[in-house]
PDB file of N, CA and C in Angstrom:
ATOM      1  N   UNK A   1      29.269  29.438  22.959  1.00  0.00           N
ATOM      2  CA  UNK A   1      29.224  30.828  22.290  1.00  0.00           C
ATOM      3  C   UNK A   1      27.837  31.530  22.559  1.00  0.00           C
ATOM      4  N   UNK A   2      27.848  32.646  22.873  1.00  0.00           N
ATOM      5  CA  UNK A   2      26.728  33.473  23.108  1.00  0.00           C
ATOM      6  C   UNK A   2      26.103  34.188  21.768  1.00  0.00           C
ATOM      7  N   UNK A   3      25.100  34.725  21.856  1.00  0.00           N
ATOM      8  CA  UNK A   3      24.416  35.448  20.818  1.00  0.00           C
ATOM      9  C   UNK A   3      23.818  37.016  21.625  1.00  0.00           C
ATOM     10  N   UNK A   4      23.647  37.867  20.377  1.00  0.00           N
ATOM     11  CA  UNK A   4      22.952  38.895  20.624  1.00  0.00           C
ATOM     12  C   UNK A   4      21.387  38.684  19.973  1.00  0.00           C
ATOM     13  N   UNK A   5      20.406  38.786  20.744  1.00  0.00           N
ATOM     14  CA  UNK A   5      18.979  38.521  20.266  1.00  0.00           C
ATOM     15  C   UNK A   5      18.239  39.680  20.117  1.00  0.00           C
ATOM     16  N   UNK A   6      17.563  39.893  18.966  1.00  0.00           N
ATOM     17  CA  UNK A   6      16.490  41.050  19.024  1.00  0.00           C
ATOM     18  C   UNK A   6      15.232  40.417  19.534  1.00  0.00           C
ATOM     19  N   UNK A   7      14.512  41.347  20.144  1.00  0.00           N
ATOM     20  CA  UNK A   7      13.249  40.625  20.402  1.00  0.00           C
ATOM     21  C   UNK A   7      12.227  41.875  19.981  1.00  0.00           C
ATOM     22  N   UNK A   8      11.052  41.363  19.099  1.00  0.00           N
ATOM     23  CA  UNK A   8      10.070  42.512  18.612  1.00  0.00           C
ATOM     24  C   UNK A   8       8.738  41.735  18.469  1.00  0.00           C
ATOM     25  N   UNK A   9       7.825  42.544  19.189  1.00  0.00           N
ATOM     26  CA  UNK A   9       6.410  42.186  19.052  1.00  0.00           C
ATOM     27  C   UNK A   9       5.642  42.309  17.674  1.00  0.00           C
ATOM     28  N   UNK A  10       4.808  41.429  17.494  1.00  0.00           N
ATOM     29  CA  UNK A  10       4.173  41.578  16.064  1.00  0.00           C
ATOM     30  C   UNK A  10       2.936  42.449  16.252  1.00  0.00           C
ATOM     31  N   UNK A  11       2.393  42.828  17.305  1.00  0.00           N
ATOM     32  CA  UNK A  11       1.162  43.535  17.873  1.00  0.00           C
ATOM     33  C   UNK A  11       1.431  44.893  18.270  1.00  0.00           C
ATOM     34  N   UNK A  12       2.524  45.177  19.098  1.00  0.00           N
ATOM     35  CA  UNK A  12       2.681  46.473  19.808  1.00  0.00           C
ATOM     36  C   UNK A  12       4.293  46.813  19.568  1.00  0.00           C
ATOM     37  N   UNK A  13       4.388  48.160  20.080  1.00  0.00           N
ATOM     38  CA  UNK A  13       5.875  48.577  19.552  1.00  0.00           C
ATOM     39  C   UNK A  13       6.973  48.153  20.485  1.00  0.00           C
ATOM     40  N   UNK A  14       6.609  47.048  21.314  1.00  0.00           N
ATOM     41  CA  UNK A  14       7.801  46.558  22.313  1.00  0.00           C
ATOM     42  C   UNK A  14       8.894  45.883  21.435  1.00  0.00           C
ATOM     43  N   UNK A  15      10.100  46.167  21.734  1.00  0.00           N
ATOM     44  CA  UNK A  15      11.399  45.744  21.206  1.00  0.00           C
ATOM     45  C   UNK A  15      12.752  45.940  21.791  1.00  0.00           C
ATOM     46  N   UNK A  16      13.413  45.068  21.778  1.00  0.00           N
ATOM     47  CA  UNK A  16      14.763  45.246  22.632  1.00  0.00           C
ATOM     48  C   UNK A  16      15.857  44.295  21.772  1.00  0.00           C
ATOM     49  N   UNK A  17      17.062  44.522  22.379  1.00  0.00           N
ATOM     50  CA  UNK A  17      18.137  43.718  22.161  1.00  0.00           C
ATOM     51  C   UNK A  17      18.597  43.234  23.460  1.00  0.00           C
ATOM     52  N   UNK A  18      19.272  41.886  23.531  1.00  0.00           N
ATOM     53  CA  UNK A  18      19.837  41.172  24.563  1.00  0.00           C
ATOM     54  C   UNK A  18      20.833  40.457  24.284  1.00  0.00           C
ATOM     55  N   UNK A  19      21.829  40.142  25.400  1.00  0.00           N
ATOM     56  CA  UNK A  19      22.816  39.026  25.137  1.00  0.00           C
ATOM     57  C   UNK A  19      22.080  37.866  25.658  1.00  0.00           C
ATOM     58  N   UNK A  20      22.271  36.558  25.041  1.00  0.00           N
ATOM     59  CA  UNK A  20      21.870  35.368  25.399  1.00  0.00           C
ATOM     60  C   UNK A  20      22.933  34.340  25.629  1.00  0.00           C
ATOM     61  N   UNK A  21      23.261  33.796  26.794  1.00  0.00           N
ATOM     62  CA  UNK A  21      24.251  32.959  26.950  1.00  0.00           C
ATOM     63  C   UNK A  21      25.707  33.493  27.161  1.00  0.00           C
ATOM     64  N   UNK A  22      26.484  32.882  27.887  1.00  0.00           N
ATOM     65  CA  UNK A  22      28.025  33.329  28.151  1.00  0.00           C
ATOM     66  C   UNK A  22      28.798  32.979  26.845  1.00  0.00           C
ATOM     67  N   UNK A  23      29.925  33.574  27.156  1.00  0.00           N
ATOM     68  CA  UNK A  23      30.999  33.612  25.983  1.00  0.00           C
ATOM     69  C   UNK A  23      32.011  32.359  26.661  1.00  0.00           C
ATOM     70  N   UNK A  24      32.839  32.067  25.833  1.00  0.00           N
ATOM     71  CA  UNK A  24      33.737  30.878  26.025  1.00  0.00           C
ATOM     72  C   UNK A  24      34.491  31.075  27.160  1.00  0.00           C
ATOM     73  N   UNK A  25      34.948  32.449  27.733  1.00  0.00           N
ATOM     74  CA  UNK A  25      35.640  32.544  28.875  1.00  0.00           C
ATOM     75  C   UNK A  25      35.041  32.698  30.260  1.00  0.00           C
ATOM     76  N   UNK A  26      33.632  32.907  30.127  1.00  0.00           N
ATOM     77  CA  UNK A  26      32.712  33.083  31.404  1.00  0.00           C
ATOM     78  C   UNK A  26      31.446  32.208  31.518  1.00  0.00           C
ATOM     79  N   UNK A  27      31.368  31.381  30.497  1.00  0.00           N
ATOM     80  CA  UNK A  27      30.076  30.622  30.473  1.00  0.00           C
ATOM     81  C   UNK A  27      29.668  29.750  31.601  1.00  0.00           C
ATOM     82  N   UNK A  28      30.769  29.572  32.432  1.00  0.00           N
ATOM     83  CA  UNK A  28      30.684  28.825  33.760  1.00  0.00           C
ATOM     84  C   UNK A  28      29.897  29.468  34.715  1.00  0.00           C
ATOM     85  N   UNK A  29      30.023  30.952  34.797  1.00  0.00           N
ATOM     86  CA  UNK A  29      29.529  31.885  35.832  1.00  0.00           C
ATOM     87  C   UNK A  29      28.430  32.895  35.192  1.00  0.00           C
ATOM     88  N   UNK A  30      28.676  33.139  33.936  1.00  0.00           N
ATOM     89  CA  UNK A  30      27.741  34.013  33.391  1.00  0.00           C
ATOM     90  C   UNK A  30      26.838  33.261  32.312  1.00  0.00           C
ATOM     91  N   UNK A  31      25.426  33.607  32.495  1.00  0.00           N
ATOM     92  CA  UNK A  31      24.512  33.014  31.365  1.00  0.00           C
ATOM     93  C   UNK A  31      23.365  33.842  31.230  1.00  0.00           C
ATOM     94  N   UNK A  32      23.545  35.194  30.728  1.00  0.00           N
ATOM     95  CA  UNK A  32      22.355  36.221  30.579  1.00  0.00           C
ATOM     96  C   UNK A  32      21.212  35.643  29.618  1.00  0.00           C
ATOM     97  N   UNK A  33      20.144  35.493  30.260  1.00  0.00           N
ATOM     98  CA  UNK A  33      18.889  35.083  29.658  1.00  0.00           C
ATOM     99  C   UNK A  33      17.798  35.848  29.837  1.00  0.00           C
ATOM    100  N   UNK A  34      16.666  36.004  28.962  1.00  0.00           N
ATOM    101  CA  UNK A  34      15.640  36.840  29.127  1.00  0.00           C
ATOM    102  C   UNK A  34      14.655  36.057  30.035  1.00  0.00           C
ATOM    103  N   UNK A  35      13.867  37.146  31.078  1.00  0.00           N
ATOM    104  CA  UNK A  35      12.964  36.694  31.990  1.00  0.00           C
ATOM    105  C   UNK A  35      11.983  37.796  32.129  1.00  0.00           C
ATOM    106  N   UNK A  36      10.742  37.251  32.687  1.00  0.00           N
ATOM    107  CA  UNK A  36       9.902  38.294  33.411  1.00  0.00           C
ATOM    108  C   UNK A  36       9.854  38.393  34.830  1.00  0.00           C
ATOM    109  N   UNK A  37      10.098  39.668  35.404  1.00  0.00           N
ATOM    110  CA  UNK A  37      10.271  39.875  36.836  1.00  0.00           C
ATOM    111  C   UNK A  37       8.582  39.774  37.374  1.00  0.00           C
ATOM    112  N   UNK A  38       8.271  38.957  37.921  1.00  0.00           N
ATOM    113  CA  UNK A  38       7.035  38.379  38.222  1.00  0.00           C
ATOM    114  C   UNK A  38       6.393  39.633  39.265  1.00  0.00           C
ATOM    115  N   UNK A  39       7.191  40.310  40.016  1.00  0.00           N
ATOM    116  CA  UNK A  39       6.618  41.404  40.735  1.00  0.00           C
ATOM    117  C   UNK A  39       6.338  42.648  40.197  1.00  0.00           C
ATOM    118  N   UNK A  40       7.174  42.858  39.024  1.00  0.00           N
ATOM    119  CA  UNK A  40       6.937  44.202  37.960  1.00  0.00           C
ATOM    120  C   UNK A  40       6.369  43.817  36.835  1.00  0.00           C
ATOM    121  N   UNK A  41       6.410  42.634  36.250  1.00  0.00           N
ATOM    122  CA  UNK A  41       5.856  42.303  34.865  1.00  0.00           C
ATOM    123  C   UNK A  41       6.875  42.881  33.799  1.00  0.00           C
ATOM    124  N   UNK A  42       8.058  43.287  34.271  1.00  0.00           N
ATOM    125  CA  UNK A  42       8.888  43.767  33.252  1.00  0.00           C
ATOM    126  C   UNK A  42      10.001  42.684  32.768  1.00  0.00           C
ATOM    127  N   UNK A  43      10.263  42.753  31.426  1.00  0.00           N
ATOM    128  CA  UNK A  43      11.302  42.063  30.744  1.00  0.00           C
ATOM    129  C   UNK A  43      12.632  42.427  31.204  1.00  0.00           C
ATOM    130  N   UNK A  44      13.330  41.561  31.785  1.00  0.00           N
ATOM    131  CA  UNK A  44      14.863  41.791  32.217  1.00  0.00           C
ATOM    132  C   UNK A  44      15.774  40.754  31.715  1.00  0.00           C
ATOM    133  N   UNK A  45      16.987  40.921  31.706  1.00  0.00           N
ATOM    134  CA  UNK A  45      18.022  40.080  31.198  1.00  0.00           C
ATOM    135  C   UNK A  45      18.604  39.590  32.485  1.00  0.00           C
ATOM    136  N   UNK A  46      18.631  38.366  32.922  1.00  0.00           N
ATOM    137  CA  UNK A  46      18.984  37.881  34.371  1.00  0.00           C
ATOM    138  C   UNK A  46      20.315  36.893  34.122  1.00  0.00           C
ATOM    139  N   UNK A  47      21.167  36.713  34.931  1.00  0.00           N
ATOM    140  CA  UNK A  47      22.114  35.736  34.973  1.00  0.00           C
ATOM    141  C   UNK A  47      21.473  34.387  35.459  1.00  0.00           C
ATOM    142  N   UNK A  48      21.290  33.649  34.664  1.00  0.00           N
ATOM    143  CA  UNK A  48      20.713  32.226  35.054  1.00  0.00           C
ATOM    144  C   UNK A  48      21.524  31.470  35.987  1.00  0.00           C
ATOM    145  N   UNK A  49      22.740  31.607  35.838  1.00  0.00           N
ATOM    146  CA  UNK A  49      23.683  30.733  36.799  1.00  0.00           C
ATOM    147  C   UNK A  49      23.430  31.169  38.224  1.00  0.00           C
ATOM    148  N   UNK A  50      23.197  32.554  38.534  1.00  0.00           N
ATOM    149  CA  UNK A  50      22.989  32.940  39.807  1.00  0.00           C
ATOM    150  C   UNK A  50      21.580  32.892  40.179  1.00  0.00           C
ATOM    151  N   UNK A  51      20.603  33.143  39.276  1.00  0.00           N
ATOM    152  CA  UNK A  51      19.198  33.296  39.578  1.00  0.00           C
ATOM    153  C   UNK A  51      18.224  32.127  39.362  1.00  0.00           C
ATOM    154  N   UNK A  52      18.790  31.033  38.734  1.00  0.00           N
ATOM    155  CA  UNK A  52      17.881  30.065  38.260  1.00  0.00           C
ATOM    156  C   UNK A  52      16.955  29.605  39.213  1.00  0.00           C
ATOM    157  N   UNK A  53      17.170  29.553  40.614  1.00  0.00           N
ATOM    158  CA  UNK A  53      16.114  28.993  41.458  1.00  0.00           C
ATOM    159  C   UNK A  53      15.338  30.259  42.359  1.00  0.00           C
ATOM    160  N   UNK A  54      15.457  31.329  41.709  1.00  0.00           N
ATOM    161  CA  UNK A  54      14.911  32.450  42.206  1.00  0.00           C
ATOM    162  C   UNK A  54      13.410  32.572  41.786  1.00  0.00           C
ATOM    163  N   UNK A  55      12.241  32.376  42.731  1.00  0.00           N
ATOM    164  CA  UNK A  55      10.876  32.374  42.181  1.00  0.00           C
ATOM    165  C   UNK A  55      10.430  33.907  41.993  1.00  0.00           C
ATOM    166  N   UNK A  56      11.336  34.900  42.014  1.00  0.00           N
ATOM    167  CA  UNK A  56      11.062  36.218  41.305  1.00  0.00           C
ATOM    168  C   UNK A  56      10.971  36.409  39.865  1.00  0.00           C
ATOM    169  N   UNK A  57      11.477  35.294  39.189  1.00  0.00           N
ATOM    170  CA  UNK A  57      11.669  35.442  37.845  1.00  0.00           C
ATOM    171  C   UNK A  57      10.950  34.266  37.208  1.00  0.00           C
ATOM    172  N   UNK A  58      10.242  34.456  35.900  1.00  0.00           N
ATOM    173  CA  UNK A  58       9.866  33.296  35.025  1.00  0.00           C
ATOM    174  C   UNK A  58      11.081  33.499  33.796  1.00  0.00           C
ATOM    175  N   UNK A  59      11.501  32.460  33.530  1.00  0.00           N
ATOM    176  CA  UNK A  59      12.469  32.679  32.327  1.00  0.00           C
ATOM    177  C   UNK A  59      11.815  32.456  31.008  1.00  0.00           C
ATOM    178  N   UNK A  60      12.300  32.830  29.886  1.00  0.00           N
ATOM    179  CA  UNK A  60      11.637  32.382  28.716  1.00  0.00           C
ATOM    180  C   UNK A  60      11.784  31.231  28.254  1.00  0.00           C
ATOM    181  N   UNK A  61      12.564  30.208  28.850  1.00  0.00           N
ATOM    182  CA  UNK A  61      12.604  28.838  28.621  1.00  0.00           C
ATOM    183  C   UNK A  61      11.425  28.195  29.258  1.00  0.00           C
ATOM    184  N   UNK A  62      10.769  28.757  30.293  1.00  0.00           N
ATOM    185  CA  UNK A  62       9.532  28.321  30.774  1.00  0.00           C
ATOM    186  C   UNK A  62       8.340  28.161  29.782  1.00  0.00           C
ATOM    187  N   UNK A  63       7.542  27.065  29.807  1.00  0.00           N
ATOM    188  CA  UNK A  63       6.259  26.965  29.128  1.00  0.00           C
ATOM    189  C   UNK A  63       5.584  27.968  29.110  1.00  0.00           C
ATOM    190  N   UNK A  64       5.232  28.594  30.227  1.00  0.00           N
ATOM    191  CA  UNK A  64       4.307  29.550  30.258  1.00  0.00           C
ATOM    192  C   UNK A  64       4.581  30.826  29.516  1.00  0.00           C
ATOM    193  N   UNK A  65       5.773  31.093  29.286  1.00  0.00           N
ATOM    194  CA  UNK A  65       5.965  32.232  28.398  1.00  0.00           C
ATOM    195  C   UNK A  65       6.304  31.902  26.803  1.00  0.00           C
ATOM    196  N   UNK A  66       6.079  30.720  26.486  1.00  0.00           N
ATOM    197  CA  UNK A  66       6.104  30.132  25.218  1.00  0.00           C
ATOM    198  C   UNK A  66       4.872  29.783  24.564  1.00  0.00           C
ATOM    199  N   UNK A  67       4.708  30.313  23.111  1.00  0.00           N
ATOM    200  CA  UNK A  67       3.434  29.991  22.556  1.00  0.00           C
ATOM    201  C   UNK A  67       3.835  29.168  21.445  1.00  0.00           C
ATOM    202  N   UNK A  68       2.968  28.912  20.403  1.00  0.00           N
ATOM    203  CA  UNK A  68       3.079  28.099  19.261  1.00  0.00           C
ATOM    204  C   UNK A  68       4.520  28.563  18.564  1.00  0.00           C
ATOM    205  N   UNK A  69       5.530  27.816  18.337  1.00  0.00           N
ATOM    206  CA  UNK A  69       6.612  27.964  17.674  1.00  0.00           C
ATOM    207  C   UNK A  69       6.797  27.838  16.220  1.00  0.00           C
ATOM    208  N   UNK A  70       5.439  27.411  15.648  1.00  0.00           N
ATOM    209  CA  UNK A  70       5.291  27.131  14.379  1.00  0.00           C
ATOM    210  C   UNK A  70       6.322  26.263  13.622  1.00  0.00           C
ATOM    211  N   UNK A  71       6.894  25.220  14.215  1.00  0.00           N
ATOM    212  CA  UNK A  71       7.725  24.483  13.924  1.00  0.00           C
ATOM    213  C   UNK A  71       9.143  24.904  13.489  1.00  0.00           C
ATOM    214  N   UNK A  72       9.486  26.092  14.012  1.00  0.00           N
ATOM    215  CA  UNK A  72      10.740  26.753  13.889  1.00  0.00           C
ATOM    216  C   UNK A  72      11.705  26.259  14.933  1.00  0.00           C
ATOM    217  N   UNK A  73      12.939  26.751  14.579  1.00  0.00           N
ATOM    218  CA  UNK A  73      14.087  26.154  15.213  1.00  0.00           C
ATOM    219  C   UNK A  73      13.921  26.900  16.656  1.00  0.00           C
ATOM    220  N   UNK A  74      14.703  26.388  17.727  1.00  0.00           N
ATOM    221  CA  UNK A  74      14.813  26.941  19.092  1.00  0.00           C
ATOM    222  C   UNK A  74      16.314  27.627  19.247  1.00  0.00           C
ATOM    223  N   UNK A  75      16.329  28.411  20.128  1.00  0.00           N
ATOM    224  CA  UNK A  75      17.666  29.003  20.443  1.00  0.00           C
ATOM    225  C   UNK A  75      18.266  28.436  21.666  1.00  0.00           C
ATOM    226  N   UNK A  76      19.081  27.595  21.453  1.00  0.00           N
ATOM    227  CA  UNK A  76      19.404  26.627  22.561  1.00  0.00           C
ATOM    228  C   UNK A  76      20.774  27.169  23.269  1.00  0.00           C
ATOM    229  N   UNK A  77      20.841  27.028  24.636  1.00  0.00           N
ATOM    230  CA  UNK A  77      22.173  27.357  25.407  1.00  0.00           C
ATOM    231  C   UNK A  77      22.033  26.242  26.532  1.00  0.00           C
ATOM    232  N   UNK A  78      22.884  25.381  26.338  1.00  0.00           N
ATOM    233  CA  UNK A  78      22.875  24.049  27.210  1.00  0.00           C
ATOM    234  C   UNK A  78      21.409  23.438  27.295  1.00  0.00           C
ATOM    235  N   UNK A  79      20.822  23.608  28.654  1.00  0.00           N
ATOM    236  CA  UNK A  79      19.623  23.202  28.772  1.00  0.00           C
ATOM    237  C   UNK A  79      18.542  24.122  28.607  1.00  0.00           C
ATOM    238  N   UNK A  80      18.566  25.182  28.305  1.00  0.00           N
ATOM    239  CA  UNK A  80      17.767  26.239  27.991  1.00  0.00           C
ATOM    240  C   UNK A  80      17.449  26.438  26.551  1.00  0.00           C
ATOM    241  N   UNK A  81      16.221  26.550  26.340  1.00  0.00           N
ATOM    242  CA  UNK A  81      15.687  26.655  24.944  1.00  0.00           C
ATOM    243  C   UNK A  81      14.659  27.604  24.658  1.00  0.00           C
ATOM    244  N   UNK A  82      14.898  28.590  23.832  1.00  0.00           N
ATOM    245  CA  UNK A  82      14.084  29.753  23.649  1.00  0.00           C
ATOM    246  C   UNK A  82      13.104  29.619  22.162  1.00  0.00           C
ATOM    247  N   UNK A  83      12.094  29.711  22.245  1.00  0.00           N
ATOM    248  CA  UNK A  83      11.285  29.612  21.156  1.00  0.00           C
ATOM    249  C   UNK A  83      11.723  30.944  20.282  1.00  0.00           C
ATOM    250  N   UNK A  84      11.730  30.887  18.784  1.00  0.00           N
ATOM    251  CA  UNK A  84      11.986  31.937  18.107  1.00  0.00           C
ATOM    252  C   UNK A  84      10.625  32.756  17.830  1.00  0.00           C
ATOM    253  N   UNK A  85       9.407  32.180  17.963  1.00  0.00           N
ATOM    254  CA  UNK A  85       8.132  32.647  17.423  1.00  0.00           C
ATOM    255  C   UNK A  85       7.192  32.716  18.756  1.00  0.00           C
ATOM    256  N   UNK A  86       6.274  33.613  18.702  1.00  0.00           N
ATOM    257  CA  UNK A  86       5.305  33.643  19.613  1.00  0.00           C
ATOM    258  C   UNK A  86       5.347  33.399  21.052  1.00  0.00           C
ATOM    259  N   UNK A  87       6.369  34.270  21.468  1.00  0.00           N
ATOM    260  CA  UNK A  87       6.617  34.419  22.977  1.00  0.00           C
ATOM    261  C   UNK A  87       5.967  35.570  23.582  1.00  0.00           C
ATOM    262  N   UNK A  88       5.792  35.230  25.007  1.00  0.00           N
ATOM    263  CA  UNK A  88       4.823  36.333  25.824  1.00  0.00           C
ATOM    264  C   UNK A  88       5.587  37.648  25.549  1.00  0.00           C
ATOM    265  N   UNK A  89       4.636  38.712  25.203  1.00  0.00           N
ATOM    266  CA  UNK A  89       5.112  39.954  25.208  1.00  0.00           C
ATOM    267  C   UNK A  89       4.733  40.861  26.509  1.00  0.00           C
ATOM    268  N   UNK A  90       5.691  41.298  27.163  1.00  0.00           N
ATOM    269  CA  UNK A  90       5.474  42.004  28.448  1.00  0.00           C
ATOM    270  C   UNK A  90       4.479  43.220  28.235  1.00  0.00           C
ATOM    271  N   UNK A  91       4.553  43.993  27.206  1.00  0.00           N
ATOM    272  CA  UNK A  91       3.770  44.980  27.101  1.00  0.00           C
ATOM    273  C   UNK A  91       2.203  44.770  26.543  1.00  0.00           C
ATOM    274  N   UNK A  92       1.986  44.070  25.682  1.00  0.00           N
ATOM    275  CA  UNK A  92       0.446  43.945  25.152  1.00  0.00           C
ATOM    276  C   UNK A  92       0.017  42.517  25.723  1.00  0.00           C
ATOM    277  N   UNK A  93       0.766  41.647  26.415  1.00  0.00           N
ATOM    278  CA  UNK A  93       0.416  40.529  26.984  1.00  0.00           C
ATOM    279  C   UNK A  93       0.042  39.456  26.307  1.00  0.00           C
ATOM    280  N   UNK A  94       0.301  39.401  25.133  1.00  0.00           N
ATOM    281  CA  UNK A  94      -0.090  38.248  24.157  1.00  0.00           C
ATOM    282  C   UNK A  94       1.171  37.558  23.626  1.00  0.00           C
ATOM    283  N   UNK A  95       1.111  36.308  23.330  1.00  0.00           N
ATOM    284  CA  UNK A  95       2.241  35.562  22.722  1.00  0.00           C
ATOM    285  C   UNK A  95       2.575  35.925  21.215  1.00  0.00           C
ATOM    286  N   UNK A  96       3.165  37.099  21.162  1.00  0.00           N
ATOM    287  CA  UNK A  96       3.476  37.758  19.854  1.00  0.00           C
ATOM    288  C   UNK A  96       5.052  38.075  19.739  1.00  0.00           C
ATOM    289  N   UNK A  97       5.686  37.844  20.725  1.00  0.00           N
ATOM    290  CA  UNK A  97       7.022  38.351  20.578  1.00  0.00           C
ATOM    291  C   UNK A  97       8.004  37.405  19.902  1.00  0.00           C
ATOM    292  N   UNK A  98       8.802  37.822  19.033  1.00  0.00           N
ATOM    293  CA  UNK A  98       9.804  36.926  18.348  1.00  0.00           C
ATOM    294  C   UNK A  98      11.257  37.228  18.617  1.00  0.00           C
ATOM    295  N   UNK A  99      12.082  36.276  18.559  1.00  0.00           N
ATOM    296  CA  UNK A  99      13.519  36.266  18.987  1.00  0.00           C
ATOM    297  C   UNK A  99      14.225  35.813  17.570  1.00  0.00           C
ATOM    298  N   UNK A 100      15.132  36.670  17.352  1.00  0.00           N
ATOM    299  CA  UNK A 100      16.073  36.560  16.176  1.00  0.00           C
ATOM    300  C   UNK A 100      17.565  36.737  16.533  1.00  0.00           C
ATOM    301  N   UNK A 101      18.441  35.936  16.083  1.00  0.00           N
ATOM    302  CA  UNK A 101      19.845  36.168  16.311  1.00  0.00           C
ATOM    303  C   UNK A 101      20.292  37.386  15.340  1.00  0.00           C
ATOM    304  N   UNK A 102      21.092  38.260  16.000  1.00  0.00           N
ATOM    305  CA  UNK A 102      21.515  39.358  15.049  1.00  0.00           C
ATOM    306  C   UNK A 102      23.105  39.275  15.004  1.00  0.00           C
ATOM    307  N   UNK A 103      23.617  38.558  16.042  1.00  0.00           N
ATOM    308  CA  UNK A 103      24.928  38.494  16.058  1.00  0.00           C
ATOM    309  C   UNK A 103      25.418  37.458  17.103  1.00  0.00           C
ATOM    310  N   UNK A 104      26.728  36.847  16.708  1.00  0.00           N
ATOM    311  CA  UNK A 104      27.312  35.831  17.637  1.00  0.00           C
ATOM    312  C   UNK A 104      28.381  36.497  18.313  1.00  0.00           C
ATOM    313  N   UNK A 105      28.402  36.006  19.594  1.00  0.00           N
ATOM    314  CA  UNK A 105      29.669  36.509  20.504  1.00  0.00           C
ATOM    315  C   UNK A 105      30.570  35.516  20.936  1.00  0.00           C
ATOM    316  N   UNK A 106      31.792  35.795  21.173  1.00  0.00           N
ATOM    317  CA  UNK A 106      32.758  34.881  21.425  1.00  0.00           C
ATOM    318  C   UNK A 106      32.937  34.800  23.057  1.00  0.00           C
TER     319      UNK A 106
END
């Protein structure tokens, strides 16, 4: 089951919503996840199934983009785990981006 996640920075005005993980009919070929494009520094939603080995992206499951999760739960999608607290913000470049589930998708 996939999720719709909100991302909001504690320090700047960066915020967005994105799909995380595939749905029951397409999870084997579609797995949207948040990433940073290392060429542009932009936050993007990338199909992990296709791009997982592409060095152009750092995924938010990567330790470099995670900060102190403050003992909170993680958002899991098979082997991918996102911290809910203190992720890298592409705008202010601090570990201040929080992820929260706002909806579940089928």
